[in-house]
Amino acid sequence: MPKQRNLIEDDGRTVASMNVEGMPWYVPNQIQDERSRVTLMDKRQARQAIFGALGAGLTVVGVISLGIVLFVLFCTKVWFS
């Protein structure tokens, strides 16, 4: 039985415009259509993004701090004694 592939279909939205001045494919004064405009977040989504980024950053800082504390304890109790 052959494997079924999940085909991803293009919905036409633009994630990032590659129309950059200086590139060979640059088209000056290109009109953006309705689908390629950026949609803004509402307050709830912005708050969730901020708290998510804050939580991720604090997790990284906590893991690094815990590693430093454990290293100092190892040095003072085992290595240097």
N, C-alpha and C. Protein backbone atom coordinates (compact mmCIF):
# COMPACT_ATOMS: atom_id res chain seq x y z
N MET A 1 0.85 -1.17 0.00
CA MET A 1 0.00 0.00 0.00
C MET A 1 0.90 1.24 0.00
N PRO A 2 0.80 2.11 -1.01
CA PRO A 2 1.65 3.30 -1.07
C PRO A 2 1.26 4.33 -0.01
N LYS A 3 2.27 5.10 0.43
CA LYS A 3 2.01 6.14 1.41
C LYS A 3 1.24 7.29 0.77
N GLN A 4 0.34 7.85 1.54
CA GLN A 4 -0.39 9.02 1.07
C GLN A 4 0.35 10.27 1.53
N ARG A 5 0.57 11.17 0.60
CA ARG A 5 1.26 12.41 0.94
C ARG A 5 0.25 13.50 1.26
N ASN A 6 0.59 14.29 2.24
CA ASN A 6 -0.23 15.45 2.56
C ASN A 6 0.22 16.60 1.66
N LEU A 7 -0.57 16.92 0.68
CA LEU A 7 -0.22 17.99 -0.24
C LEU A 7 -0.68 19.33 0.34
N ILE A 8 0.25 20.26 0.39
CA ILE A 8 -0.06 21.59 0.88
C ILE A 8 -0.40 22.46 -0.31
N GLU A 9 -1.57 23.04 -0.29
CA GLU A 9 -1.99 23.87 -1.41
C GLU A 9 -1.74 25.34 -1.08
N ASP A 10 -1.32 26.08 -2.09
CA ASP A 10 -1.04 27.50 -1.95
C ASP A 10 -2.36 28.26 -1.89
N ASP A 11 -2.56 29.05 -0.83
CA ASP A 11 -3.78 29.82 -0.71
C ASP A 11 -3.61 31.25 -1.22
N GLY A 12 -2.42 31.58 -1.73
CA GLY A 12 -2.21 32.88 -2.36
C GLY A 12 -1.77 33.99 -1.43
N ARG A 13 -1.68 33.75 -0.14
CA ARG A 13 -1.26 34.82 0.78
C ARG A 13 0.25 35.02 0.70
N THR A 14 0.69 36.25 0.93
CA THR A 14 2.11 36.57 0.93
C THR A 14 2.58 36.68 2.37
N VAL A 15 3.57 35.88 2.73
CA VAL A 15 4.12 35.94 4.08
C VAL A 15 5.13 37.08 4.16
N ALA A 16 6.04 37.15 3.21
CA ALA A 16 7.02 38.22 3.17
C ALA A 16 7.24 38.60 1.71
N SER A 17 7.12 39.87 1.41
CA SER A 17 7.30 40.33 0.04
C SER A 17 8.77 40.29 -0.33
N MET A 18 9.08 39.64 -1.43
CA MET A 18 10.46 39.56 -1.90
C MET A 18 10.76 40.63 -2.94
N ASN A 19 9.88 41.62 -3.06
CA ASN A 19 10.08 42.71 -3.99
C ASN A 19 11.00 43.74 -3.35
N VAL A 20 12.32 43.49 -3.42
CA VAL A 20 13.32 44.30 -2.75
C VAL A 20 14.10 45.08 -3.80
N GLU A 21 14.27 46.38 -3.57
CA GLU A 21 14.99 47.22 -4.52
C GLU A 21 16.43 46.74 -4.66
N GLY A 22 16.88 46.60 -5.90
CA GLY A 22 18.24 46.13 -6.17
C GLY A 22 18.28 44.69 -6.65
N MET A 23 17.22 43.94 -6.42
CA MET A 23 17.15 42.57 -6.89
C MET A 23 16.69 42.55 -8.35
N PRO A 24 17.09 41.52 -9.10
CA PRO A 24 16.72 41.50 -10.52
C PRO A 24 15.21 41.44 -10.76
N TRP A 25 14.45 40.90 -9.83
CA TRP A 25 13.02 40.75 -10.02
C TRP A 25 12.21 41.92 -9.44
N TYR A 26 12.89 43.00 -9.05
CA TYR A 26 12.22 44.14 -8.43
C TYR A 26 11.27 44.81 -9.40
N VAL A 27 10.05 45.05 -8.95
CA VAL A 27 9.05 45.76 -9.75
C VAL A 27 8.68 47.03 -8.98
N PRO A 28 9.11 48.20 -9.48
CA PRO A 28 8.78 49.43 -8.75
C PRO A 28 7.29 49.72 -8.80
N ASN A 29 6.80 50.35 -7.74
CA ASN A 29 5.40 50.75 -7.62
C ASN A 29 4.43 49.58 -7.79
N GLN A 30 4.81 48.45 -7.25
CA GLN A 30 3.93 47.28 -7.35
C GLN A 30 2.74 47.48 -6.41
N ILE A 31 1.56 47.26 -6.91
CA ILE A 31 0.35 47.41 -6.11
C ILE A 31 0.09 46.12 -5.36
N GLN A 32 -0.09 46.25 -4.04
CA GLN A 32 -0.39 45.07 -3.23
C GLN A 32 -1.88 44.80 -3.30
N ASP A 33 -2.21 43.54 -3.47
CA ASP A 33 -3.63 43.19 -3.50
C ASP A 33 -4.15 42.99 -2.08
N GLU A 34 -5.42 42.73 -1.96
CA GLU A 34 -6.09 42.62 -0.66
C GLU A 34 -5.53 41.48 0.18
N ARG A 35 -5.09 40.39 -0.46
CA ARG A 35 -4.64 39.21 0.29
C ARG A 35 -3.27 39.39 0.91
N SER A 36 -2.43 40.29 0.38
CA SER A 36 -1.06 40.41 0.87
C SER A 36 -0.90 41.47 1.95
N ARG A 37 -1.96 42.13 2.34
CA ARG A 37 -1.85 43.14 3.39
C ARG A 37 -1.67 42.47 4.75
N VAL A 38 -0.97 43.16 5.62
CA VAL A 38 -0.71 42.65 6.96
C VAL A 38 -1.93 42.89 7.83
N THR A 39 -2.31 41.88 8.58
CA THR A 39 -3.41 42.06 9.52
C THR A 39 -2.83 42.32 10.91
N LEU A 40 -3.40 43.27 11.61
CA LEU A 40 -2.90 43.63 12.93
C LEU A 40 -3.54 42.76 14.00
N MET A 41 -2.80 42.57 15.09
CA MET A 41 -3.33 41.80 16.20
C MET A 41 -4.24 42.66 17.05
N ASP A 42 -5.23 42.03 17.66
CA ASP A 42 -6.03 42.78 18.62
C ASP A 42 -5.32 42.74 19.97
N LYS A 43 -5.89 43.39 20.98
CA LYS A 43 -5.23 43.51 22.28
C LYS A 43 -5.00 42.15 22.94
N ARG A 44 -5.97 41.26 22.81
CA ARG A 44 -5.85 39.94 23.43
C ARG A 44 -4.71 39.14 22.80
N GLN A 45 -4.61 39.16 21.48
CA GLN A 45 -3.55 38.43 20.80
C GLN A 45 -2.18 39.04 21.11
N ALA A 46 -2.10 40.37 21.20
CA ALA A 46 -0.84 41.03 21.53
C ALA A 46 -0.41 40.67 22.94
N ARG A 47 -1.36 40.64 23.87
CA ARG A 47 -1.05 40.27 25.25
C ARG A 47 -0.56 38.83 25.33
N GLN A 48 -1.20 37.93 24.59
CA GLN A 48 -0.77 36.54 24.57
C GLN A 48 0.63 36.39 23.99
N ALA A 49 0.94 37.16 22.94
CA ALA A 49 2.27 37.10 22.34
C ALA A 49 3.32 37.62 23.31
N ILE A 50 3.01 38.70 24.02
CA ILE A 50 3.95 39.26 24.97
C ILE A 50 4.21 38.29 26.11
N PHE A 51 3.14 37.73 26.68
CA PHE A 51 3.32 36.79 27.78
C PHE A 51 4.00 35.50 27.34
N GLY A 52 3.75 35.07 26.13
CA GLY A 52 4.44 33.89 25.61
C GLY A 52 5.93 34.13 25.45
N ALA A 53 6.29 35.27 24.89
CA ALA A 53 7.71 35.61 24.74
C ALA A 53 8.37 35.81 26.10
N LEU A 54 7.66 36.45 27.02
CA LEU A 54 8.19 36.65 28.37
C LEU A 54 8.40 35.32 29.08
N GLY A 55 7.44 34.42 28.96
CA GLY A 55 7.58 33.10 29.57
C GLY A 55 8.75 32.31 28.99
N ALA A 56 8.91 32.38 27.67
CA ALA A 56 10.03 31.66 27.04
C ALA A 56 11.37 32.24 27.50
N GLY A 57 11.45 33.57 27.55
CA GLY A 57 12.69 34.20 27.99
C GLY A 57 13.02 33.89 29.44
N LEU A 58 12.01 33.94 30.30
CA LEU A 58 12.25 33.62 31.72
C LEU A 58 12.62 32.16 31.92
N THR A 59 12.09 31.28 31.10
CA THR A 59 12.47 29.86 31.18
C THR A 59 13.94 29.68 30.83
N VAL A 60 14.39 30.34 29.78
CA VAL A 60 15.80 30.24 29.39
C VAL A 60 16.70 30.81 30.48
N VAL A 61 16.34 31.98 31.01
CA VAL A 61 17.13 32.59 32.08
C VAL A 61 17.15 31.69 33.31
N GLY A 62 16.03 31.08 33.64
CA GLY A 62 15.96 30.19 34.80
C GLY A 62 16.84 28.96 34.64
N VAL A 63 16.84 28.35 33.46
CA VAL A 63 17.67 27.16 33.23
C VAL A 63 19.15 27.53 33.31
N ILE A 64 19.54 28.65 32.72
CA ILE A 64 20.94 29.06 32.76
C ILE A 64 21.35 29.41 34.19
N SER A 65 20.48 30.10 34.92
CA SER A 65 20.79 30.45 36.32
C SER A 65 20.92 29.19 37.18
N LEU A 66 20.03 28.25 36.99
CA LEU A 66 20.12 26.99 37.74
C LEU A 66 21.42 26.26 37.43
N GLY A 67 21.84 26.27 36.17
CA GLY A 67 23.11 25.64 35.81
C GLY A 67 24.29 26.32 36.48
N ILE A 68 24.27 27.64 36.55
CA ILE A 68 25.36 28.38 37.20
C ILE A 68 25.39 28.07 38.70
N VAL A 69 24.22 28.06 39.33
CA VAL A 69 24.15 27.76 40.78
C VAL A 69 24.65 26.35 41.05
N LEU A 70 24.22 25.38 40.25
CA LEU A 70 24.68 24.01 40.45
C LEU A 70 26.19 23.88 40.21
N PHE A 71 26.72 24.60 39.24
CA PHE A 71 28.16 24.57 38.99
C PHE A 71 28.94 25.14 40.17
N VAL A 72 28.45 26.26 40.72
CA VAL A 72 29.13 26.86 41.87
C VAL A 72 29.07 25.92 43.07
N LEU A 73 27.91 25.29 43.31
CA LEU A 73 27.80 24.33 44.41
C LEU A 73 28.73 23.15 44.21
N PHE A 74 28.82 22.65 42.97
CA PHE A 74 29.73 21.53 42.68
C PHE A 74 31.17 21.94 42.94
N CYS A 75 31.54 23.14 42.52
CA CYS A 75 32.92 23.59 42.71
C CYS A 75 33.26 23.74 44.19
N THR A 76 32.34 24.30 44.98
CA THR A 76 32.65 24.56 46.39
C THR A 76 32.56 23.30 47.24
N LYS A 77 31.69 22.39 46.94
CA LYS A 77 31.47 21.21 47.80
C LYS A 77 32.28 19.98 47.36
N VAL A 78 32.57 19.84 46.07
CA VAL A 78 33.22 18.62 45.59
C VAL A 78 34.61 18.90 45.05
N TRP A 79 34.71 19.78 44.11
CA TRP A 79 35.94 19.97 43.37
C TRP A 79 37.02 20.62 44.21
N PHE A 80 36.71 21.70 44.93
CA PHE A 80 37.72 22.44 45.66
C PHE A 80 37.90 21.96 47.11
N SER A 81 37.20 20.96 47.54
CA SER A 81 37.34 20.52 48.94
C SER A 81 38.45 19.51 49.11
